[in-house]
C-alpha atoms as a PDB file:
ATOM      1  CA  UNK A   1      -8.751 -18.262 -30.078  1.00  0.00           C
ATOM      2  CA  UNK A   2      -9.097 -14.456 -30.084  1.00  0.00           C
ATOM      3  CA  UNK A   3      -8.149 -12.620 -26.954  1.00  0.00           C
ATOM      4  CA  UNK A   4     -10.839 -10.738 -25.075  1.00  0.00           C
ATOM      5  CA  UNK A   5     -10.584  -6.990 -25.455  1.00  0.00           C
ATOM      6  CA  UNK A   6      -9.167  -5.069 -22.542  1.00  0.00           C
ATOM      7  CA  UNK A   7     -11.997  -4.054 -20.228  1.00  0.00           C
ATOM      8  CA  UNK A   8     -12.171  -0.515 -18.925  1.00  0.00           C
ATOM      9  CA  UNK A   9     -11.731  -0.021 -15.206  1.00  0.00           C
ATOM     10  CA  UNK A  10     -14.928  -0.561 -13.245  1.00  0.00           C
ATOM     11  CA  UNK A  11     -15.413   1.854 -10.374  1.00  0.00           C
ATOM     12  CA  UNK A  12     -18.145  -0.271  -8.809  1.00  0.00           C
ATOM     13  CA  UNK A  13     -15.655  -2.200  -6.631  1.00  0.00           C
ATOM     14  CA  UNK A  14     -14.021   0.995  -5.348  1.00  0.00           C
ATOM     15  CA  UNK A  15     -17.378   2.598  -4.560  1.00  0.00           C
ATOM     16  CA  UNK A  16     -18.266  -0.425  -2.452  1.00  0.00           C
ATOM     17  CA  UNK A  17     -14.885  -0.355  -0.692  1.00  0.00           C
ATOM     18  CA  UNK A  18     -15.457   3.281   0.245  1.00  0.00           C
ATOM     19  CA  UNK A  19     -18.838   2.307   1.738  1.00  0.00           C
ATOM     20  CA  UNK A  20     -17.275  -0.126   4.244  1.00  0.00           C
ATOM     21  CA  UNK A  21     -17.860   1.141   7.776  1.00  0.00           C
ATOM     22  CA  UNK A  22     -15.507  -0.757  10.076  1.00  0.00           C
ATOM     23  CA  UNK A  23     -12.183  -2.572   9.923  1.00  0.00           C
ATOM     24  CA  UNK A  24     -14.010  -5.823  10.716  1.00  0.00           C
ATOM     25  CA  UNK A  25     -16.439  -5.271   7.833  1.00  0.00           C
ATOM     26  CA  UNK A  26     -13.500  -4.465   5.560  1.00  0.00           C
ATOM     27  CA  UNK A  27     -11.658  -7.654   6.570  1.00  0.00           C
ATOM     28  CA  UNK A  28     -14.753  -9.774   5.965  1.00  0.00           C
ATOM     29  CA  UNK A  29     -15.352  -8.125   2.581  1.00  0.00           C
ATOM     30  CA  UNK A  30     -11.794  -8.794   1.398  1.00  0.00           C
ATOM     31  CA  UNK A  31     -11.783 -12.309   2.895  1.00  0.00           C
ATOM     32  CA  UNK A  32     -14.816 -13.088   0.733  1.00  0.00           C
ATOM     33  CA  UNK A  33     -13.427 -11.413  -2.375  1.00  0.00           C
ATOM     34  CA  UNK A  34      -9.738 -12.390  -2.380  1.00  0.00           C
ATOM     35  CA  UNK A  35      -7.650 -15.506  -1.992  1.00  0.00           C
ATOM     36  CA  UNK A  36      -5.564 -15.707   1.184  1.00  0.00           C
ATOM     37  CA  UNK A  37      -2.359 -15.422  -0.862  1.00  0.00           C
ATOM     38  CA  UNK A  38      -3.619 -12.249  -2.551  1.00  0.00           C
ATOM     39  CA  UNK A  39      -4.449 -10.659   0.790  1.00  0.00           C
ATOM     40  CA  UNK A  40      -1.124 -11.647   2.362  1.00  0.00           C
ATOM     41  CA  UNK A  41       0.748 -10.200  -0.628  1.00  0.00           C
ATOM     42  CA  UNK A  42      -1.133  -6.888  -0.332  1.00  0.00           C
ATOM     43  CA  UNK A  43      -0.625  -6.810   3.431  1.00  0.00           C
ATOM     44  CA  UNK A  44       3.096  -7.472   2.985  1.00  0.00           C
ATOM     45  CA  UNK A  45       3.447  -4.735   0.345  1.00  0.00           C
ATOM     46  CA  UNK A  46       1.601  -2.327   2.632  1.00  0.00           C
ATOM     47  CA  UNK A  47       3.889  -3.214   5.557  1.00  0.00           C
ATOM     48  CA  UNK A  48       6.895  -2.622   3.300  1.00  0.00           C
ATOM     49  CA  UNK A  49       5.439   0.726   2.204  1.00  0.00           C
ATOM     50  CA  UNK A  50       4.901   1.823   5.823  1.00  0.00           C
ATOM     51  CA  UNK A  51       8.482   0.926   6.705  1.00  0.00           C
ATOM     52  CA  UNK A  52       9.925   2.687   3.653  1.00  0.00           C
ATOM     53  CA  UNK A  53       7.742   5.700   4.373  1.00  0.00           C
ATOM     54  CA  UNK A  54       9.099   5.730   7.931  1.00  0.00           C
ATOM     55  CA  UNK A  55      12.656   5.767   6.583  1.00  0.00           C
ATOM     56  CA  UNK A  56      13.702   2.197   7.441  1.00  0.00           C
ATOM     57  CA  UNK A  57      16.526   0.660   5.424  1.00  0.00           C
ATOM     58  CA  UNK A  58      16.097  -2.229   2.993  1.00  0.00           C
ATOM     59  CA  UNK A  59      17.888  -4.807   5.145  1.00  0.00           C
ATOM     60  CA  UNK A  60      15.650  -4.115   8.147  1.00  0.00           C
ATOM     61  CA  UNK A  61      12.565  -4.301   5.937  1.00  0.00           C
ATOM     62  CA  UNK A  62      13.695  -7.581   4.386  1.00  0.00           C
ATOM     63  CA  UNK A  63      14.325  -9.094   7.827  1.00  0.00           C
ATOM     64  CA  UNK A  64      11.124  -7.834   9.448  1.00  0.00           C
ATOM     65  CA  UNK A  65       8.671  -8.553   6.621  1.00  0.00           C
ATOM     66  CA  UNK A  66      10.176 -11.529   4.808  1.00  0.00           C
ATOM     67  CA  UNK A  67       9.554  -9.679   1.544  1.00  0.00           C
ATOM     68  CA  UNK A  68      11.900 -10.199  -1.363  1.00  0.00           C
ATOM     69  CA  UNK A  69      14.272  -7.438  -2.416  1.00  0.00           C
ATOM     70  CA  UNK A  70      12.279  -7.212  -5.683  1.00  0.00           C
ATOM     71  CA  UNK A  71       9.107  -6.487  -3.685  1.00  0.00           C
ATOM     72  CA  UNK A  72      10.836  -3.851  -1.577  1.00  0.00           C
ATOM     73  CA  UNK A  73      12.251  -2.207  -4.721  1.00  0.00           C
ATOM     74  CA  UNK A  74       8.867  -2.272  -6.428  1.00  0.00           C
ATOM     75  CA  UNK A  75       7.111  -0.707  -3.462  1.00  0.00           C
ATOM     76  CA  UNK A  76       9.861   1.907  -3.210  1.00  0.00           C
ATOM     77  CA  UNK A  77       9.280   2.810  -6.880  1.00  0.00           C
ATOM     78  CA  UNK A  78       5.559   3.173  -6.188  1.00  0.00           C
ATOM     79  CA  UNK A  79       6.215   5.499  -3.252  1.00  0.00           C
ATOM     80  CA  UNK A  80       8.621   7.610  -5.292  1.00  0.00           C
ATOM     81  CA  UNK A  81       7.012   7.579  -8.733  1.00  0.00           C
ATOM     82  CA  UNK A  82       3.428   6.359  -8.275  1.00  0.00           C
ATOM     83  CA  UNK A  83       0.279   8.440  -7.935  1.00  0.00           C
ATOM     84  CA  UNK A  84       1.192   9.592  -4.420  1.00  0.00           C
ATOM     85  CA  UNK A  85      -1.972   8.143  -2.878  1.00  0.00           C
ATOM     86  CA  UNK A  86      -0.173   5.596  -0.708  1.00  0.00           C
ATOM     87  CA  UNK A  87       2.068   8.203   0.926  1.00  0.00           C
ATOM     88  CA  UNK A  88      -0.826  10.638   1.337  1.00  0.00           C
ATOM     89  CA  UNK A  89      -2.919   8.054   3.180  1.00  0.00           C
ATOM     90  CA  UNK A  90       0.016   7.152   5.437  1.00  0.00           C
ATOM     91  CA  UNK A  91       0.591  10.829   6.214  1.00  0.00           C
ATOM     92  CA  UNK A  92      -3.122  11.299   6.952  1.00  0.00           C
ATOM     93  CA  UNK A  93      -3.308   8.340   9.332  1.00  0.00           C
ATOM     94  CA  UNK A  94      -0.064   9.394  11.037  1.00  0.00           C
ATOM     95  CA  UNK A  95      -1.422  12.909  11.479  1.00  0.00           C
ATOM     96  CA  UNK A  96      -4.759  11.628  12.830  1.00  0.00           C
ATOM     97  CA  UNK A  97      -2.852   9.520  15.372  1.00  0.00           C
ATOM     98  CA  UNK A  98      -1.021  12.642  16.527  1.00  0.00           C
ATOM     99  CA  UNK A  99       2.395  11.531  15.308  1.00  0.00           C
ATOM    100  CA  UNK A 100       4.683  13.854  13.347  1.00  0.00           C
ATOM    101  CA  UNK A 101       4.360  13.484   9.573  1.00  0.00           C
ATOM    102  CA  UNK A 102       7.553  12.605   7.714  1.00  0.00           C
ATOM    103  CA  UNK A 103       8.946  15.610   5.869  1.00  0.00           C
ATOM    104  CA  UNK A 104      10.540  15.334   2.439  1.00  0.00           C
ATOM    105  CA  UNK A 105      13.337  17.444   1.060  1.00  0.00           C
ATOM    106  CA  UNK A 106      13.201  19.099  -2.357  1.00  0.00           C
ATOM    107  CA  UNK A 107      14.869  16.058  -3.956  1.00  0.00           C
ATOM    108  CA  UNK A 108      12.152  13.737  -2.577  1.00  0.00           C
ATOM    109  CA  UNK A 109      14.260  12.275   0.230  1.00  0.00           C
ATOM    110  CA  UNK A 110      13.817  12.635   3.936  1.00  0.00           C
ATOM    111  CA  UNK A 111      15.779  15.279   5.848  1.00  0.00           C
END
């Protein structure tokens, strides 16, 4: 049986996500759209990303989140070599909450 051709990215989903108005509405939207396991996996990866972004060490992250070392490594790669969106959003939220934003050194690490 021939494989279906790879579909181009649809921006319709993302446009609807941007239109969500409250955290409650966002939760309900994703509860309807995703399986519980998918949501928990995304939530766990986000928690790992926040902890890495804050400078926590792998062992603390593993203990606090229950994530595998492969997940922590993958999220770390995304923070260091991804598009930069995840770190930018974390910096923005941190700044809006009045907390100091993490500073990076020239080599990409924290001071």
